[in-house]
Amino acid sequence: MIPLEELVATVIDVSPDQLEEDDGPGGRTGWSSKQHIELVVALEEQYAVGFSHEEIRGLRSLGAVRETLRRKGVAV
């Protein structure tokens, strides 16, 4: 299983060490809305989970992604 930071960094095309817990779409990393959708797909494939529309809207930062995955039983 790919660590969360590596997966996010790969999708948004930054180095994992550049990511902070509050980074998200539209922030300093350049995380675009297109990349956000690509990230959702990558998360679903990598961690074998599904997200509701509400959950997708709530994935507003790396920390929010991490917490949502934890609630789904994924250790990240």
C-alpha atoms as a PDB file:
ATOM      1  CA  MET A   1       0.000   0.000   0.000  1.00  0.00           C
ATOM      2  CA  ILE A   2       1.332   3.423  -0.970  1.00  0.00           C
ATOM      3  CA  PRO A   3       1.627   5.868   1.942  1.00  0.00           C
ATOM      4  CA  LEU A   4      -0.996   8.632   1.751  1.00  0.00           C
ATOM      5  CA  GLU A   5       1.548  11.448   1.409  1.00  0.00           C
ATOM      6  CA  GLU A   6       3.200   9.712  -1.545  1.00  0.00           C
ATOM      7  CA  LEU A   7      -0.123   9.110  -3.268  1.00  0.00           C
ATOM      8  CA  VAL A   8      -1.262  12.716  -2.834  1.00  0.00           C
ATOM      9  CA  ALA A   9       2.146  14.067  -3.885  1.00  0.00           C
ATOM     10  CA  THR A  10       2.145  11.917  -7.021  1.00  0.00           C
ATOM     11  CA  VAL A  11      -1.330  13.066  -8.055  1.00  0.00           C
ATOM     12  CA  ILE A  12      -0.696  16.778  -7.452  1.00  0.00           C
ATOM     13  CA  ASP A  13       2.886  16.576  -8.769  1.00  0.00           C
ATOM     14  CA  VAL A  14       4.856  17.784  -5.745  1.00  0.00           C
ATOM     15  CA  SER A  15       7.417  16.193  -3.463  1.00  0.00           C
ATOM     16  CA  PRO A  16       5.912  14.417  -0.425  1.00  0.00           C
ATOM     17  CA  ASP A  17       8.080  16.528   1.881  1.00  0.00           C
ATOM     18  CA  GLN A  18       6.338  19.662   0.548  1.00  0.00           C
ATOM     19  CA  LEU A  19       2.955  18.562   1.863  1.00  0.00           C
ATOM     20  CA  GLU A  20       1.477  19.825   5.107  1.00  0.00           C
ATOM     21  CA  GLU A  21      -1.711  18.653   6.822  1.00  0.00           C
ATOM     22  CA  ASP A  22      -3.622  21.808   5.846  1.00  0.00           C
ATOM     23  CA  ASP A  23      -2.695  21.667   2.131  1.00  0.00           C
ATOM     24  CA  GLY A  24      -5.668  21.206  -0.163  1.00  0.00           C
ATOM     25  CA  PRO A  25      -7.333  22.311  -3.375  1.00  0.00           C
ATOM     26  CA  GLY A  26      -6.523  25.886  -4.347  1.00  0.00           C
ATOM     27  CA  GLY A  27      -3.730  26.146  -1.785  1.00  0.00           C
ATOM     28  CA  ARG A  28      -0.033  26.824  -2.028  1.00  0.00           C
ATOM     29  CA  THR A  29       0.760  23.474  -3.661  1.00  0.00           C
ATOM     30  CA  GLY A  30      -1.326  24.259  -6.728  1.00  0.00           C
ATOM     31  CA  TRP A  31      -3.738  21.385  -6.019  1.00  0.00           C
ATOM     32  CA  SER A  32      -6.283  21.917  -8.836  1.00  0.00           C
ATOM     33  CA  SER A  33      -9.894  20.818  -9.058  1.00  0.00           C
ATOM     34  CA  LYS A  34      -8.893  18.348 -11.797  1.00  0.00           C
ATOM     35  CA  GLN A  35      -6.219  16.898  -9.528  1.00  0.00           C
ATOM     36  CA  HIS A  36      -8.786  16.696  -6.736  1.00  0.00           C
ATOM     37  CA  ILE A  37     -10.964  14.405  -8.852  1.00  0.00           C
ATOM     38  CA  GLU A  38      -7.896  12.378  -9.874  1.00  0.00           C
ATOM     39  CA  LEU A  39      -6.988  12.072  -6.194  1.00  0.00           C
ATOM     40  CA  VAL A  40     -10.443  10.796  -5.265  1.00  0.00           C
ATOM     41  CA  VAL A  41     -10.173   8.109  -7.953  1.00  0.00           C
ATOM     42  CA  ALA A  42      -6.634   7.194  -6.827  1.00  0.00           C
ATOM     43  CA  LEU A  43      -7.745   6.981  -3.181  1.00  0.00           C
ATOM     44  CA  GLU A  44     -10.691   4.748  -4.072  1.00  0.00           C
ATOM     45  CA  GLU A  45      -8.469   2.448  -6.118  1.00  0.00           C
ATOM     46  CA  GLN A  46      -5.506   2.344  -3.725  1.00  0.00           C
ATOM     47  CA  TYR A  47      -7.429   1.934  -0.481  1.00  0.00           C
ATOM     48  CA  ALA A  48     -10.497   0.060  -1.816  1.00  0.00           C
ATOM     49  CA  VAL A  49     -12.991   2.595  -0.471  1.00  0.00           C
ATOM     50  CA  GLY A  50     -15.812   4.648  -1.920  1.00  0.00           C
ATOM     51  CA  PHE A  51     -16.754   8.228  -1.158  1.00  0.00           C
ATOM     52  CA  SER A  52     -20.140   9.909  -1.099  1.00  0.00           C
ATOM     53  CA  HIS A  53     -20.566  13.305  -2.747  1.00  0.00           C
ATOM     54  CA  GLU A  54     -20.582  14.869   0.715  1.00  0.00           C
ATOM     55  CA  GLU A  55     -17.331  13.138   1.649  1.00  0.00           C
ATOM     56  CA  ILE A  56     -15.663  14.259  -1.583  1.00  0.00           C
ATOM     57  CA  ARG A  57     -16.625  17.869  -0.838  1.00  0.00           C
ATOM     58  CA  GLY A  58     -15.167  17.412   2.647  1.00  0.00           C
ATOM     59  CA  LEU A  59     -11.732  16.343   1.367  1.00  0.00           C
ATOM     60  CA  ARG A  60     -10.455  19.916   1.639  1.00  0.00           C
ATOM     61  CA  SER A  61      -6.986  19.152   2.987  1.00  0.00           C
ATOM     62  CA  LEU A  62      -4.487  16.355   3.449  1.00  0.00           C
ATOM     63  CA  GLY A  63      -5.614  16.169   7.077  1.00  0.00           C
ATOM     64  CA  ALA A  64      -9.265  15.855   6.034  1.00  0.00           C
ATOM     65  CA  VAL A  65      -8.359  13.083   3.596  1.00  0.00           C
ATOM     66  CA  ARG A  66      -6.453  11.276   6.337  1.00  0.00           C
ATOM     67  CA  GLU A  67      -9.344  11.589   8.817  1.00  0.00           C
ATOM     68  CA  THR A  68     -11.937  10.433   6.268  1.00  0.00           C
ATOM     69  CA  LEU A  69      -9.853   7.374   5.456  1.00  0.00           C
ATOM     70  CA  ARG A  70      -9.429   6.592   9.168  1.00  0.00           C
ATOM     71  CA  ARG A  71     -13.226   6.735   9.633  1.00  0.00           C
ATOM     72  CA  LYS A  72     -13.466   4.173   6.837  1.00  0.00           C
ATOM     73  CA  GLY A  73     -11.042   1.873   8.652  1.00  0.00           C
ATOM     74  CA  VAL A  74      -7.979   2.630   6.543  1.00  0.00           C
ATOM     75  CA  ALA A  75      -4.779   3.029   8.574  1.00  0.00           C
ATOM     76  CA  VAL A  76      -2.809   5.867   6.984  1.00  0.00           C
END
